[in-house]
Amino acid sequence: MAVTPARATPAPGKSGPHLILFDGDCSFCAGWVRFVLARDLRGRFHFASLQSDAGQRYLARIGHSTADLATVHVITSYTSADTTCLTRSDAAAFIASELGGAWARAGTVLKAVPVRVRDAAYDLVARYRHHLAASATACVIPTPEQRERFLDQ
């Protein structure tokens, strides 16, 4: 798999499916996955927790540390040879853009903010993410229709 550097932005509407690697032990992250599932009506996003065998394999393939569980990763068109790995605020902006509607507009606005500012905000949320949703359930339980979109099921 040829992976484009993390700061590269893929062309809008890159075919997909796109793989979101997330912290499977984090309630905040699980809430984010549920948020994406509810709004991804085209089924373009697939998921794997960073702790899973699939998540660890993909992290190794893209050359990222398998110990870094504080960063969301999006591997665009992960089933093709031409893929891009986005992290942190670039990943969040890409996800929003791909959801369409008002979320796509929010993703466009987010991309207009300088990367240093976006990533500083992302890092702040990432640092306190376990406290932000401490009482929520960390486990994402997909419906039978959603189950095929989870690589570690």
N, C-alpha and C. Protein backbone atom coordinates (compact mmCIF):
# COMPACT_ATOMS: atom_id res chain seq x y z
N MET A 1 0.85 -1.17 0.00
CA MET A 1 0.00 0.00 0.00
C MET A 1 0.90 1.23 0.00
N ALA A 2 0.74 2.12 -0.96
CA ALA A 2 1.48 3.37 -1.00
C ALA A 2 0.72 4.40 -0.19
N VAL A 3 1.36 4.96 0.81
CA VAL A 3 0.70 5.91 1.68
C VAL A 3 1.28 7.30 1.46
N THR A 4 0.41 8.25 1.17
CA THR A 4 0.82 9.63 1.01
C THR A 4 1.08 10.22 2.39
N PRO A 5 2.02 11.17 2.53
CA PRO A 5 2.31 11.77 3.83
C PRO A 5 1.06 12.32 4.51
N ALA A 6 1.12 12.36 5.84
CA ALA A 6 -0.04 12.70 6.65
C ALA A 6 -0.60 14.09 6.41
N ARG A 7 0.18 15.06 6.00
CA ARG A 7 -0.33 16.41 5.79
C ARG A 7 -0.94 16.60 4.41
N ALA A 8 -0.87 15.58 3.57
CA ALA A 8 -1.50 15.69 2.25
C ALA A 8 -3.00 15.60 2.41
N THR A 9 -3.72 16.38 1.64
CA THR A 9 -5.17 16.33 1.69
C THR A 9 -5.67 15.63 0.45
N PRO A 10 -6.41 14.54 0.61
CA PRO A 10 -6.91 13.83 -0.56
C PRO A 10 -7.95 14.65 -1.30
N ALA A 11 -8.13 14.31 -2.53
CA ALA A 11 -9.13 14.99 -3.34
C ALA A 11 -10.50 14.76 -2.72
N PRO A 12 -11.36 15.79 -2.73
CA PRO A 12 -12.70 15.61 -2.18
C PRO A 12 -13.41 14.45 -2.86
N GLY A 13 -14.13 13.68 -2.05
CA GLY A 13 -14.90 12.57 -2.58
C GLY A 13 -14.06 11.39 -3.02
N LYS A 14 -12.80 11.31 -2.54
CA LYS A 14 -11.98 10.14 -2.86
C LYS A 14 -12.84 8.91 -2.59
N SER A 15 -12.74 7.93 -3.42
CA SER A 15 -13.75 6.89 -3.50
C SER A 15 -14.09 6.16 -2.21
N GLY A 16 -13.13 5.86 -1.39
CA GLY A 16 -13.45 5.13 -0.18
C GLY A 16 -13.48 3.64 -0.45
N PRO A 17 -13.78 2.80 0.48
CA PRO A 17 -14.12 3.21 1.84
C PRO A 17 -12.90 3.74 2.59
N HIS A 18 -13.19 4.55 3.60
CA HIS A 18 -12.15 5.15 4.42
C HIS A 18 -12.16 4.45 5.77
N LEU A 19 -10.99 4.26 6.32
CA LEU A 19 -10.86 3.55 7.60
C LEU A 19 -10.53 4.53 8.71
N ILE A 20 -11.36 4.55 9.74
CA ILE A 20 -11.10 5.36 10.93
C ILE A 20 -10.53 4.44 12.00
N LEU A 21 -9.31 4.77 12.45
CA LEU A 21 -8.67 4.06 13.56
C LEU A 21 -8.86 4.92 14.80
N PHE A 22 -9.47 4.36 15.85
CA PHE A 22 -9.83 5.14 17.04
C PHE A 22 -9.45 4.38 18.30
N ASP A 23 -9.37 5.09 19.41
CA ASP A 23 -9.06 4.50 20.71
C ASP A 23 -10.30 3.75 21.20
N GLY A 24 -10.24 2.44 21.17
CA GLY A 24 -11.37 1.60 21.56
C GLY A 24 -11.66 1.58 23.05
N ASP A 25 -10.77 2.13 23.87
CA ASP A 25 -10.98 2.18 25.31
C ASP A 25 -11.46 3.55 25.79
N CYS A 26 -11.77 4.42 24.87
CA CYS A 26 -12.12 5.80 25.20
C CYS A 26 -13.60 6.05 24.95
N SER A 27 -14.32 6.48 25.99
CA SER A 27 -15.74 6.77 25.86
C SER A 27 -16.00 7.91 24.90
N PHE A 28 -15.17 8.94 24.95
CA PHE A 28 -15.32 10.07 24.04
C PHE A 28 -15.16 9.61 22.59
N CYS A 29 -14.16 8.77 22.34
CA CYS A 29 -13.90 8.26 20.99
C CYS A 29 -15.05 7.37 20.52
N ALA A 30 -15.58 6.56 21.42
CA ALA A 30 -16.72 5.70 21.08
C ALA A 30 -17.93 6.56 20.71
N GLY A 31 -18.11 7.66 21.43
CA GLY A 31 -19.19 8.59 21.11
C GLY A 31 -19.00 9.19 19.73
N TRP A 32 -17.76 9.51 19.36
CA TRP A 32 -17.43 10.05 18.04
C TRP A 32 -17.76 9.01 16.96
N VAL A 33 -17.43 7.76 17.22
CA VAL A 33 -17.72 6.70 16.25
C VAL A 33 -19.23 6.57 16.07
N ARG A 34 -19.97 6.59 17.16
CA ARG A 34 -21.44 6.52 17.06
C ARG A 34 -21.99 7.73 16.29
N PHE A 35 -21.40 8.90 16.51
CA PHE A 35 -21.79 10.12 15.79
C PHE A 35 -21.59 9.92 14.29
N VAL A 36 -20.43 9.43 13.89
CA VAL A 36 -20.14 9.21 12.47
C VAL A 36 -21.08 8.14 11.90
N LEU A 37 -21.27 7.04 12.61
CA LEU A 37 -22.16 5.99 12.12
C LEU A 37 -23.57 6.51 11.84
N ALA A 38 -24.07 7.37 12.72
CA ALA A 38 -25.43 7.89 12.57
C ALA A 38 -25.56 8.83 11.38
N ARG A 39 -24.46 9.45 10.96
CA ARG A 39 -24.52 10.45 9.90
C ARG A 39 -23.92 9.99 8.57
N ASP A 40 -23.23 8.88 8.58
CA ASP A 40 -22.59 8.35 7.37
C ASP A 40 -23.58 7.48 6.62
N LEU A 41 -24.52 8.13 5.99
CA LEU A 41 -25.62 7.41 5.33
C LEU A 41 -25.16 6.63 4.11
N ARG A 42 -24.02 7.01 3.54
CA ARG A 42 -23.50 6.30 2.37
C ARG A 42 -22.60 5.13 2.76
N GLY A 43 -22.32 4.98 4.05
CA GLY A 43 -21.49 3.86 4.51
C GLY A 43 -20.05 3.94 4.04
N ARG A 44 -19.53 5.14 3.89
CA ARG A 44 -18.17 5.32 3.37
C ARG A 44 -17.09 5.04 4.40
N PHE A 45 -17.44 5.10 5.69
CA PHE A 45 -16.43 4.90 6.73
C PHE A 45 -16.50 3.50 7.32
N HIS A 46 -15.33 2.91 7.48
CA HIS A 46 -15.16 1.66 8.21
C HIS A 46 -14.35 1.99 9.46
N PHE A 47 -14.31 1.08 10.40
CA PHE A 47 -13.72 1.39 11.70
C PHE A 47 -12.88 0.23 12.22
N ALA A 48 -11.86 0.58 12.98
CA ALA A 48 -11.08 -0.41 13.73
C ALA A 48 -10.50 0.30 14.95
N SER A 49 -10.56 -0.34 16.09
CA SER A 49 -9.94 0.27 17.26
C SER A 49 -8.43 0.13 17.14
N LEU A 50 -7.73 1.12 17.68
CA LEU A 50 -6.27 1.11 17.63
C LEU A 50 -5.69 -0.09 18.38
N GLN A 51 -6.41 -0.61 19.36
CA GLN A 51 -5.93 -1.73 20.16
C GLN A 51 -6.14 -3.08 19.49
N SER A 52 -6.97 -3.13 18.48
CA SER A 52 -7.29 -4.40 17.83
C SER A 52 -6.14 -4.86 16.95
N ASP A 53 -6.16 -6.13 16.59
CA ASP A 53 -5.16 -6.67 15.66
C ASP A 53 -5.21 -5.91 14.33
N ALA A 54 -6.41 -5.65 13.83
CA ALA A 54 -6.55 -4.93 12.56
C ALA A 54 -5.98 -3.51 12.69
N GLY A 55 -6.32 -2.82 13.77
CA GLY A 55 -5.81 -1.47 13.99
C GLY A 55 -4.30 -1.44 14.08
N GLN A 56 -3.72 -2.40 14.80
CA GLN A 56 -2.27 -2.47 14.94
C GLN A 56 -1.60 -2.76 13.59
N ARG A 57 -2.21 -3.63 12.78
CA ARG A 57 -1.65 -3.93 11.46
C ARG A 57 -1.65 -2.69 10.56
N TYR A 58 -2.77 -1.96 10.56
CA TYR A 58 -2.84 -0.77 9.71
C TYR A 58 -1.90 0.31 10.20
N LEU A 59 -1.77 0.49 11.50
CA LEU A 59 -0.80 1.48 12.01
C LEU A 59 0.61 1.14 11.55
N ALA A 60 0.96 -0.13 11.64
CA ALA A 60 2.30 -0.56 11.22
C ALA A 60 2.48 -0.34 9.71
N ARG A 61 1.45 -0.63 8.92
CA ARG A 61 1.55 -0.46 7.46
C ARG A 61 1.77 0.99 7.06
N ILE A 62 1.16 1.91 7.80
CA ILE A 62 1.29 3.32 7.43
C ILE A 62 2.48 3.97 8.13
N GLY A 63 3.20 3.18 8.93
CA GLY A 63 4.42 3.69 9.56
C GLY A 63 4.19 4.55 10.78
N HIS A 64 3.05 4.41 11.45
CA HIS A 64 2.77 5.16 12.67
C HIS A 64 3.01 4.27 13.88
N SER A 65 3.30 4.90 14.99
CA SER A 65 3.57 4.16 16.22
C SER A 65 2.34 3.38 16.65
N THR A 66 2.53 2.11 16.96
CA THR A 66 1.41 1.29 17.43
C THR A 66 1.09 1.59 18.90
N ALA A 67 1.90 2.43 19.54
CA ALA A 67 1.65 2.79 20.94
C ALA A 67 0.86 4.09 21.06
N ASP A 68 0.70 4.83 19.96
CA ASP A 68 -0.01 6.11 20.00
C ASP A 68 -1.51 5.88 19.91
N LEU A 69 -2.16 5.93 21.07
CA LEU A 69 -3.60 5.70 21.12
C LEU A 69 -4.38 7.00 21.28
N ALA A 70 -3.68 8.14 21.33
CA ALA A 70 -4.34 9.42 21.56
C ALA A 70 -4.70 10.14 20.28
N THR A 71 -4.44 9.54 19.14
CA THR A 71 -4.65 10.21 17.86
C THR A 71 -5.59 9.39 16.97
N VAL A 72 -6.57 10.06 16.42
CA VAL A 72 -7.41 9.41 15.43
C VAL A 72 -6.66 9.41 14.10
N HIS A 73 -6.80 8.34 13.37
CA HIS A 73 -6.20 8.20 12.05
C HIS A 73 -7.32 7.89 11.06
N VAL A 74 -7.24 8.50 9.89
CA VAL A 74 -8.15 8.14 8.80
C VAL A 74 -7.28 7.72 7.63
N ILE A 75 -7.47 6.51 7.18
CA ILE A 75 -6.76 6.02 6.01
C ILE A 75 -7.79 6.07 4.87
N THR A 76 -7.57 7.01 3.96
CA THR A 76 -8.53 7.19 2.87
C THR A 76 -8.40 6.06 1.86
N SER A 77 -9.53 5.67 1.34
CA SER A 77 -9.57 4.60 0.33
C SER A 77 -8.63 3.47 0.70
N TYR A 78 -8.78 2.98 1.94
CA TYR A 78 -7.81 2.03 2.51
C TYR A 78 -7.74 0.69 1.77
N THR A 79 -8.71 0.39 0.93
CA THR A 79 -8.68 -0.88 0.20
C THR A 79 -7.98 -0.74 -1.15
N SER A 80 -7.55 0.47 -1.49
CA SER A 80 -6.87 0.68 -2.78
C SER A 80 -5.37 0.87 -2.56
N ALA A 81 -4.64 0.94 -3.64
CA ALA A 81 -3.20 1.15 -3.56
C ALA A 81 -2.87 2.62 -3.30
N ASP A 82 -3.74 3.53 -3.73
CA ASP A 82 -3.51 4.96 -3.58
C ASP A 82 -4.28 5.46 -2.37
N THR A 83 -3.59 5.62 -1.26
CA THR A 83 -4.26 5.99 -0.03
C THR A 83 -3.49 7.10 0.67
N THR A 84 -4.17 7.80 1.55
CA THR A 84 -3.57 8.87 2.34
C THR A 84 -3.91 8.62 3.79
N CYS A 85 -2.98 8.89 4.68
CA CYS A 85 -3.26 8.79 6.11
C CYS A 85 -3.35 10.19 6.68
N LEU A 86 -4.48 10.50 7.28
CA LEU A 86 -4.70 11.79 7.92
C LEU A 86 -4.78 11.57 9.43
N THR A 87 -4.26 12.51 10.19
CA THR A 87 -4.31 12.41 11.64
C THR A 87 -4.80 13.72 12.24
N ARG A 88 -5.16 13.64 13.50
CA ARG A 88 -5.52 14.79 14.31
C ARG A 88 -6.60 15.63 13.63
N SER A 89 -6.41 16.94 13.56
CA SER A 89 -7.46 17.81 13.03
C SER A 89 -7.69 17.61 11.53
N ASP A 90 -6.66 17.18 10.80
CA ASP A 90 -6.88 16.87 9.37
C ASP A 90 -7.86 15.72 9.23
N ALA A 91 -7.74 14.72 10.10
CA ALA A 91 -8.66 13.58 10.07
C ALA A 91 -10.08 14.03 10.42
N ALA A 92 -10.22 14.85 11.45
CA ALA A 92 -11.54 15.33 11.86
C ALA A 92 -12.19 16.16 10.75
N ALA A 93 -11.42 17.03 10.10
CA ALA A 93 -11.96 17.86 9.02
C ALA A 93 -12.38 16.99 7.83
N PHE A 94 -11.57 15.97 7.52
CA PHE A 94 -11.90 15.08 6.41
C PHE A 94 -13.20 14.32 6.71
N ILE A 95 -13.31 13.80 7.92
CA ILE A 95 -14.52 13.06 8.29
C ILE A 95 -15.74 13.95 8.14
N ALA A 96 -15.68 15.16 8.69
CA ALA A 96 -16.81 16.09 8.58
C ALA A 96 -17.14 16.37 7.12
N SER A 97 -16.12 16.60 6.31
CA SER A 97 -16.33 16.89 4.89
C SER A 97 -17.02 15.74 4.17
N GLU A 98 -16.66 14.52 4.52
CA GLU A 98 -17.23 13.35 3.86
C GLU A 98 -18.65 13.03 4.32
N LEU A 99 -19.07 13.56 5.47
CA LEU A 99 -20.42 13.29 5.95
C LEU A 99 -21.47 14.05 5.15
N GLY A 100 -21.07 15.11 4.49
CA GLY A 100 -21.99 15.85 3.64
C GLY A 100 -22.81 16.86 4.42
N GLY A 101 -23.64 17.59 3.70
CA GLY A 101 -24.54 18.58 4.28
C GLY A 101 -23.82 19.63 5.11
N ALA A 102 -24.42 19.98 6.23
CA ALA A 102 -23.85 21.00 7.12
C ALA A 102 -22.49 20.55 7.66
N TRP A 103 -22.30 19.25 7.81
CA TRP A 103 -21.01 18.75 8.32
C TRP A 103 -19.91 19.01 7.30
N ALA A 104 -20.22 18.91 6.02
CA ALA A 104 -19.22 19.20 4.99
C ALA A 104 -18.83 20.67 5.05
N ARG A 105 -19.82 21.54 5.28
CA ARG A 105 -19.50 22.96 5.41
C ARG A 105 -18.65 23.21 6.65
N ALA A 106 -18.94 22.52 7.73
CA ALA A 106 -18.13 22.65 8.95
C ALA A 106 -16.70 22.17 8.70
N GLY A 107 -16.56 21.10 7.93
CA GLY A 107 -15.23 20.61 7.59
C GLY A 107 -14.46 21.61 6.76
N THR A 108 -15.14 22.30 5.85
CA THR A 108 -14.50 23.33 5.02
C THR A 108 -14.04 24.49 5.89
N VAL A 109 -14.88 24.91 6.82
CA VAL A 109 -14.51 26.00 7.74
C VAL A 109 -13.33 25.58 8.60
N LEU A 110 -13.36 24.35 9.09
CA LEU A 110 -12.27 23.85 9.92
C LEU A 110 -10.95 23.84 9.15
N LYS A 111 -10.99 23.46 7.88
CA LYS A 111 -9.78 23.43 7.06
C LYS A 111 -9.20 24.82 6.83
N ALA A 112 -10.05 25.86 6.95
CA ALA A 112 -9.58 27.24 6.76
C ALA A 112 -8.79 27.75 7.96
N VAL A 113 -8.94 27.09 9.09
CA VAL A 113 -8.21 27.48 10.31
C VAL A 113 -6.78 26.95 10.16
N PRO A 114 -5.78 27.76 10.54
CA PRO A 114 -4.39 27.28 10.43
C PRO A 114 -4.18 25.96 11.18
N VAL A 115 -3.39 25.08 10.58
CA VAL A 115 -3.15 23.74 11.13
C VAL A 115 -2.64 23.80 12.57
N ARG A 116 -1.74 24.70 12.87
CA ARG A 116 -1.21 24.79 14.24
C ARG A 116 -2.31 25.06 15.25
N VAL A 117 -3.25 25.90 14.90
CA VAL A 117 -4.37 26.23 15.80
C VAL A 117 -5.29 25.02 15.93
N ARG A 118 -5.65 24.42 14.78
CA ARG A 118 -6.52 23.24 14.80
C ARG A 118 -5.92 22.11 15.62
N ASP A 119 -4.64 21.83 15.36
CA ASP A 119 -3.99 20.72 16.07
C ASP A 119 -3.82 21.01 17.56
N ALA A 120 -3.62 22.27 17.93
CA ALA A 120 -3.53 22.62 19.36
C ALA A 120 -4.87 22.33 20.04
N ALA A 121 -5.97 22.70 19.37
CA ALA A 121 -7.30 22.41 19.93
C ALA A 121 -7.53 20.90 19.99
N TYR A 122 -7.15 20.19 18.93
CA TYR A 122 -7.28 18.74 18.90
C TYR A 122 -6.50 18.12 20.06
N ASP A 123 -5.26 18.55 20.25
CA ASP A 123 -4.41 17.99 21.31
C ASP A 123 -5.01 18.24 22.69
N LEU A 124 -5.63 19.39 22.88
CA LEU A 124 -6.27 19.70 24.17
C LEU A 124 -7.43 18.73 24.43
N VAL A 125 -8.26 18.53 23.43
CA VAL A 125 -9.37 17.58 23.57
C VAL A 125 -8.83 16.17 23.79
N ALA A 126 -7.80 15.79 23.03
CA ALA A 126 -7.23 14.45 23.15
C ALA A 126 -6.66 14.21 24.55
N ARG A 127 -6.04 15.23 25.12
CA ARG A 127 -5.46 15.09 26.45
C ARG A 127 -6.52 14.81 27.51
N TYR A 128 -7.69 15.45 27.37
CA TYR A 128 -8.74 15.34 28.39
C TYR A 128 -9.92 14.48 27.95
N ARG A 129 -9.77 13.72 26.86
CA ARG A 129 -10.89 12.98 26.30
C ARG A 129 -11.48 11.96 27.26
N HIS A 130 -10.66 11.35 28.12
CA HIS A 130 -11.19 10.36 29.06
C HIS A 130 -12.06 11.02 30.14
N HIS A 131 -11.83 12.29 30.41
CA HIS A 131 -12.63 13.02 31.40
C HIS A 131 -13.90 13.61 30.78
N LEU A 132 -13.87 13.86 29.48
CA LEU A 132 -15.00 14.50 28.81
C LEU A 132 -16.22 13.60 28.73
N ALA A 133 -16.02 12.31 28.68
CA ALA A 133 -17.14 11.36 28.58
C ALA A 133 -16.93 10.21 29.54
N ALA A 134 -16.46 10.53 30.75
CA ALA A 134 -16.08 9.50 31.71
C ALA A 134 -17.23 8.57 32.09
N SER A 135 -18.46 9.05 32.07
CA SER A 135 -19.57 8.20 32.49
C SER A 135 -20.21 7.44 31.34
N ALA A 136 -19.82 7.77 30.12
CA ALA A 136 -20.42 7.10 28.96
C ALA A 136 -19.80 5.72 28.76
N THR A 137 -20.49 4.91 27.99
CA THR A 137 -20.00 3.57 27.67
C THR A 137 -18.90 3.67 26.62
N ALA A 138 -17.77 3.00 26.88
CA ALA A 138 -16.64 3.05 25.95
C ALA A 138 -16.83 2.11 24.77
N CYS A 139 -17.66 1.14 24.91
CA CYS A 139 -17.80 0.12 23.89
C CYS A 139 -18.78 0.57 22.81
N VAL A 140 -18.38 0.40 21.57
CA VAL A 140 -19.29 0.65 20.45
C VAL A 140 -19.89 -0.68 20.06
N ILE A 141 -21.21 -0.77 20.13
CA ILE A 141 -21.88 -2.01 19.75
C ILE A 141 -22.66 -1.73 18.47
N PRO A 142 -22.09 -2.16 17.34
CA PRO A 142 -22.76 -1.87 16.07
C PRO A 142 -24.01 -2.72 15.87
N THR A 143 -24.92 -2.17 15.10
CA THR A 143 -26.11 -2.93 14.73
C THR A 143 -25.67 -4.02 13.75
N PRO A 144 -26.50 -5.00 13.50
CA PRO A 144 -26.14 -6.03 12.52
C PRO A 144 -25.79 -5.43 11.15
N GLU A 145 -26.48 -4.35 10.74
CA GLU A 145 -26.19 -3.72 9.45
C GLU A 145 -24.83 -3.02 9.46
N GLN A 146 -24.43 -2.51 10.62
CA GLN A 146 -23.16 -1.78 10.73
C GLN A 146 -21.97 -2.70 10.98
N ARG A 147 -22.21 -3.89 11.44
CA ARG A 147 -21.15 -4.81 11.87
C ARG A 147 -20.06 -5.05 10.80
N GLU A 148 -20.46 -5.13 9.53
CA GLU A 148 -19.49 -5.38 8.46
C GLU A 148 -18.53 -4.21 8.27
N ARG A 149 -18.85 -3.05 8.82
CA ARG A 149 -17.98 -1.88 8.69
C ARG A 149 -16.90 -1.82 9.78
N PHE A 150 -16.92 -2.79 10.69
CA PHE A 150 -15.91 -2.85 11.77
C PHE A 150 -14.94 -3.97 11.46
N LEU A 151 -13.69 -3.64 11.30
CA LEU A 151 -12.68 -4.62 10.91
C LEU A 151 -12.32 -5.57 12.04
N ASP A 152 -12.54 -5.16 13.28
CA ASP A 152 -12.11 -5.97 14.41
C ASP A 152 -13.25 -6.70 15.07
N GLN A 153 -14.34 -6.92 14.37
CA GLN A 153 -15.48 -7.65 14.92
C GLN A 153 -15.33 -9.14 14.68
